[in-house]
Amino acid sequence: MKAFTYSEARQNLAKLLELAQEEEIEIRRRDGTVFSLTVKQRGGASPFDVPGIRTAATTQDILDAVHQSRAD
């Protein structure tokens, strides 16, 4: 873990963000307050990212079913 003062962090923000991808970074203010900078991992996949299924239905079967459901 690397530590930087607030002034150093402000002047080198781009560098700190790159470092934070590899390790935790601490930023210390003059009043003694310490902040931690870490990379946030992306939350899982999209809820719409679902595995496909195998079926004997053809595209025409699906279109016919949609057409029929709209006709009722």
N, C-alpha and C. Protein backbone atom coordinates (compact mmCIF):
# COMPACT_ATOMS: atom_id res chain seq x y z
N MET A 1 0.85 -1.17 0.00
CA MET A 1 0.00 0.00 0.00
C MET A 1 0.89 1.23 0.00
N LYS A 2 0.53 2.18 -0.85
CA LYS A 2 1.29 3.43 -0.94
C LYS A 2 0.45 4.55 -0.34
N ALA A 3 1.14 5.51 0.26
CA ALA A 3 0.47 6.64 0.89
C ALA A 3 0.94 7.94 0.25
N PHE A 4 0.00 8.85 0.08
CA PHE A 4 0.29 10.15 -0.51
C PHE A 4 -0.38 11.23 0.33
N THR A 5 0.19 12.41 0.29
CA THR A 5 -0.47 13.54 0.94
C THR A 5 -1.58 14.02 0.02
N TYR A 6 -2.45 14.83 0.56
CA TYR A 6 -3.55 15.38 -0.23
C TYR A 6 -3.01 16.17 -1.42
N SER A 7 -1.99 16.98 -1.19
CA SER A 7 -1.41 17.79 -2.26
C SER A 7 -0.81 16.92 -3.35
N GLU A 8 -0.08 15.87 -2.96
CA GLU A 8 0.50 14.95 -3.94
C GLU A 8 -0.60 14.26 -4.75
N ALA A 9 -1.65 13.85 -4.07
CA ALA A 9 -2.75 13.16 -4.74
C ALA A 9 -3.44 14.08 -5.74
N ARG A 10 -3.64 15.32 -5.33
CA ARG A 10 -4.31 16.28 -6.21
C ARG A 10 -3.48 16.54 -7.47
N GLN A 11 -2.17 16.63 -7.32
CA GLN A 11 -1.30 16.91 -8.45
C GLN A 11 -1.09 15.70 -9.36
N ASN A 12 -1.28 14.50 -8.83
CA ASN A 12 -0.99 13.27 -9.59
C ASN A 12 -2.18 12.33 -9.64
N LEU A 13 -3.37 12.87 -9.82
CA LEU A 13 -4.57 12.03 -9.76
C LEU A 13 -4.55 10.92 -10.79
N ALA A 14 -4.16 11.21 -12.02
CA ALA A 14 -4.14 10.18 -13.07
C ALA A 14 -3.21 9.03 -12.68
N LYS A 15 -2.05 9.37 -12.13
CA LYS A 15 -1.09 8.34 -11.71
C LYS A 15 -1.68 7.52 -10.56
N LEU A 16 -2.34 8.16 -9.62
CA LEU A 16 -2.93 7.45 -8.49
C LEU A 16 -4.03 6.49 -8.94
N LEU A 17 -4.83 6.89 -9.91
CA LEU A 17 -5.88 6.02 -10.41
C LEU A 17 -5.29 4.77 -11.06
N GLU A 18 -4.19 4.94 -11.77
CA GLU A 18 -3.51 3.78 -12.37
C GLU A 18 -2.94 2.87 -11.28
N LEU A 19 -2.32 3.46 -10.27
CA LEU A 19 -1.76 2.67 -9.16
C LEU A 19 -2.86 1.94 -8.39
N ALA A 20 -4.01 2.58 -8.26
CA ALA A 20 -5.11 1.98 -7.49
C ALA A 20 -5.65 0.72 -8.17
N GLN A 21 -5.38 0.55 -9.46
CA GLN A 21 -5.79 -0.68 -10.14
C GLN A 21 -4.94 -1.85 -9.68
N GLU A 22 -3.77 -1.59 -9.17
CA GLU A 22 -2.85 -2.64 -8.72
C GLU A 22 -2.85 -2.83 -7.20
N GLU A 23 -3.00 -1.74 -6.46
CA GLU A 23 -2.93 -1.82 -5.00
C GLU A 23 -3.72 -0.69 -4.36
N GLU A 24 -3.95 -0.82 -3.08
CA GLU A 24 -4.69 0.20 -2.33
C GLU A 24 -3.81 1.43 -2.15
N ILE A 25 -4.41 2.60 -2.25
CA ILE A 25 -3.71 3.87 -2.09
C ILE A 25 -4.33 4.61 -0.91
N GLU A 26 -3.48 5.18 -0.05
CA GLU A 26 -3.97 6.01 1.06
C GLU A 26 -3.65 7.46 0.77
N ILE A 27 -4.63 8.33 1.04
CA ILE A 27 -4.44 9.76 0.89
C ILE A 27 -4.66 10.38 2.26
N ARG A 28 -3.63 11.08 2.74
CA ARG A 28 -3.67 11.68 4.09
C ARG A 28 -3.80 13.19 4.00
N ARG A 29 -4.78 13.71 4.74
CA ARG A 29 -4.95 15.15 4.81
C ARG A 29 -4.13 15.70 5.96
N ARG A 30 -3.95 16.98 5.94
CA ARG A 30 -3.15 17.65 6.96
C ARG A 30 -3.74 17.47 8.36
N ASP A 31 -5.09 17.34 8.46
CA ASP A 31 -5.73 17.19 9.76
C ASP A 31 -5.68 15.75 10.28
N GLY A 32 -5.03 14.84 9.52
CA GLY A 32 -4.88 13.46 9.95
C GLY A 32 -5.91 12.49 9.38
N THR A 33 -6.89 13.01 8.67
CA THR A 33 -7.88 12.15 8.05
C THR A 33 -7.23 11.33 6.94
N VAL A 34 -7.56 10.04 6.91
CA VAL A 34 -6.99 9.15 5.90
C VAL A 34 -8.10 8.58 5.04
N PHE A 35 -7.90 8.63 3.73
CA PHE A 35 -8.85 8.08 2.77
C PHE A 35 -8.18 6.94 2.03
N SER A 36 -8.97 5.97 1.65
CA SER A 36 -8.47 4.81 0.92
C SER A 36 -9.00 4.85 -0.50
N LEU A 37 -8.11 4.61 -1.46
CA LEU A 37 -8.49 4.61 -2.86
C LEU A 37 -8.23 3.22 -3.43
N THR A 38 -9.29 2.54 -3.87
CA THR A 38 -9.15 1.22 -4.47
C THR A 38 -10.03 1.16 -5.71
N VAL A 39 -9.71 0.24 -6.59
CA VAL A 39 -10.52 0.08 -7.78
C VAL A 39 -11.80 -0.67 -7.40
N LYS A 40 -12.91 -0.26 -7.96
CA LYS A 40 -14.19 -0.91 -7.68
C LYS A 40 -14.45 -1.88 -8.82
N GLN A 41 -14.65 -3.12 -8.48
CA GLN A 41 -14.90 -4.14 -9.49
C GLN A 41 -16.30 -3.97 -10.04
N ARG A 42 -16.43 -4.20 -11.32
CA ARG A 42 -17.75 -4.11 -11.94
C ARG A 42 -18.64 -5.21 -11.39
N GLY A 43 -19.86 -4.86 -11.13
CA GLY A 43 -20.83 -5.85 -10.66
C GLY A 43 -21.24 -6.76 -11.80
N GLY A 44 -21.28 -8.02 -11.59
CA GLY A 44 -21.65 -9.07 -12.54
C GLY A 44 -22.16 -8.67 -13.90
N ALA A 45 -22.65 -9.60 -14.59
CA ALA A 45 -23.15 -9.40 -15.94
C ALA A 45 -24.53 -8.76 -15.92
N SER A 46 -24.96 -8.34 -17.05
CA SER A 46 -26.29 -7.75 -17.20
C SER A 46 -27.36 -8.79 -16.88
N PRO A 47 -28.47 -8.39 -16.29
CA PRO A 47 -29.54 -9.36 -16.03
C PRO A 47 -30.15 -9.88 -17.33
N PHE A 48 -29.89 -9.21 -18.43
CA PHE A 48 -30.38 -9.66 -19.73
C PHE A 48 -29.42 -10.62 -20.42
N ASP A 49 -28.25 -10.83 -19.81
CA ASP A 49 -27.26 -11.74 -20.37
C ASP A 49 -27.58 -13.16 -19.88
N VAL A 50 -28.48 -13.82 -20.60
CA VAL A 50 -28.93 -15.16 -20.22
C VAL A 50 -28.46 -16.17 -21.26
N PRO A 51 -28.20 -17.38 -20.84
CA PRO A 51 -27.75 -18.39 -21.81
C PRO A 51 -28.89 -18.76 -22.76
N GLY A 52 -28.52 -19.09 -23.98
CA GLY A 52 -29.50 -19.50 -24.97
C GLY A 52 -29.96 -20.93 -24.72
N ILE A 53 -31.01 -21.33 -25.40
CA ILE A 53 -31.52 -22.70 -25.28
C ILE A 53 -31.64 -23.31 -26.66
N ARG A 54 -31.58 -24.61 -26.72
CA ARG A 54 -31.78 -25.35 -27.97
C ARG A 54 -33.26 -25.69 -28.09
N THR A 55 -33.82 -25.46 -29.26
CA THR A 55 -35.23 -25.77 -29.47
C THR A 55 -35.44 -26.18 -30.93
N ALA A 56 -36.50 -26.89 -31.15
CA ALA A 56 -36.83 -27.30 -32.52
C ALA A 56 -37.65 -26.23 -33.23
N ALA A 57 -38.04 -25.16 -32.51
CA ALA A 57 -38.85 -24.10 -33.10
C ALA A 57 -38.04 -23.35 -34.15
N THR A 58 -38.69 -23.05 -35.25
CA THR A 58 -38.05 -22.27 -36.31
C THR A 58 -38.44 -20.82 -36.15
N THR A 59 -37.77 -19.97 -36.88
CA THR A 59 -38.11 -18.55 -36.86
C THR A 59 -39.56 -18.35 -37.28
N GLN A 60 -39.99 -19.09 -38.28
CA GLN A 60 -41.37 -18.97 -38.74
C GLN A 60 -42.36 -19.40 -37.65
N ASP A 61 -42.02 -20.45 -36.89
CA ASP A 61 -42.89 -20.87 -35.78
C ASP A 61 -43.05 -19.74 -34.77
N ILE A 62 -41.97 -19.06 -34.47
CA ILE A 62 -42.01 -17.97 -33.49
C ILE A 62 -42.83 -16.80 -34.04
N LEU A 63 -42.60 -16.46 -35.31
CA LEU A 63 -43.36 -15.37 -35.91
C LEU A 63 -44.85 -15.69 -35.97
N ASP A 64 -45.18 -16.94 -36.28
CA ASP A 64 -46.59 -17.35 -36.30
C ASP A 64 -47.21 -17.23 -34.90
N ALA A 65 -46.47 -17.62 -33.88
CA ALA A 65 -46.98 -17.54 -32.51
C ALA A 65 -47.20 -16.09 -32.10
N VAL A 66 -46.28 -15.20 -32.46
CA VAL A 66 -46.43 -13.78 -32.14
C VAL A 66 -47.64 -13.21 -32.88
N HIS A 67 -47.76 -13.54 -34.16
CA HIS A 67 -48.90 -13.06 -34.95
C HIS A 67 -50.22 -13.53 -34.36
N GLN A 68 -50.26 -14.79 -33.97
CA GLN A 68 -51.49 -15.35 -33.40
C GLN A 68 -51.83 -14.69 -32.07
N SER A 69 -50.81 -14.41 -31.24
CA SER A 69 -51.07 -13.78 -29.93
C SER A 69 -51.60 -12.36 -30.09
N ARG A 70 -51.19 -11.69 -31.15
CA ARG A 70 -51.65 -10.31 -31.39
C ARG A 70 -53.04 -10.27 -32.02
N ALA A 71 -53.39 -11.35 -32.69
CA ALA A 71 -54.70 -11.40 -33.35
C ALA A 71 -55.83 -11.66 -32.37
N ASP A 72 -55.52 -12.24 -31.23
CA ASP A 72 -56.57 -12.59 -30.25
C ASP A 72 -57.04 -11.42 -29.45
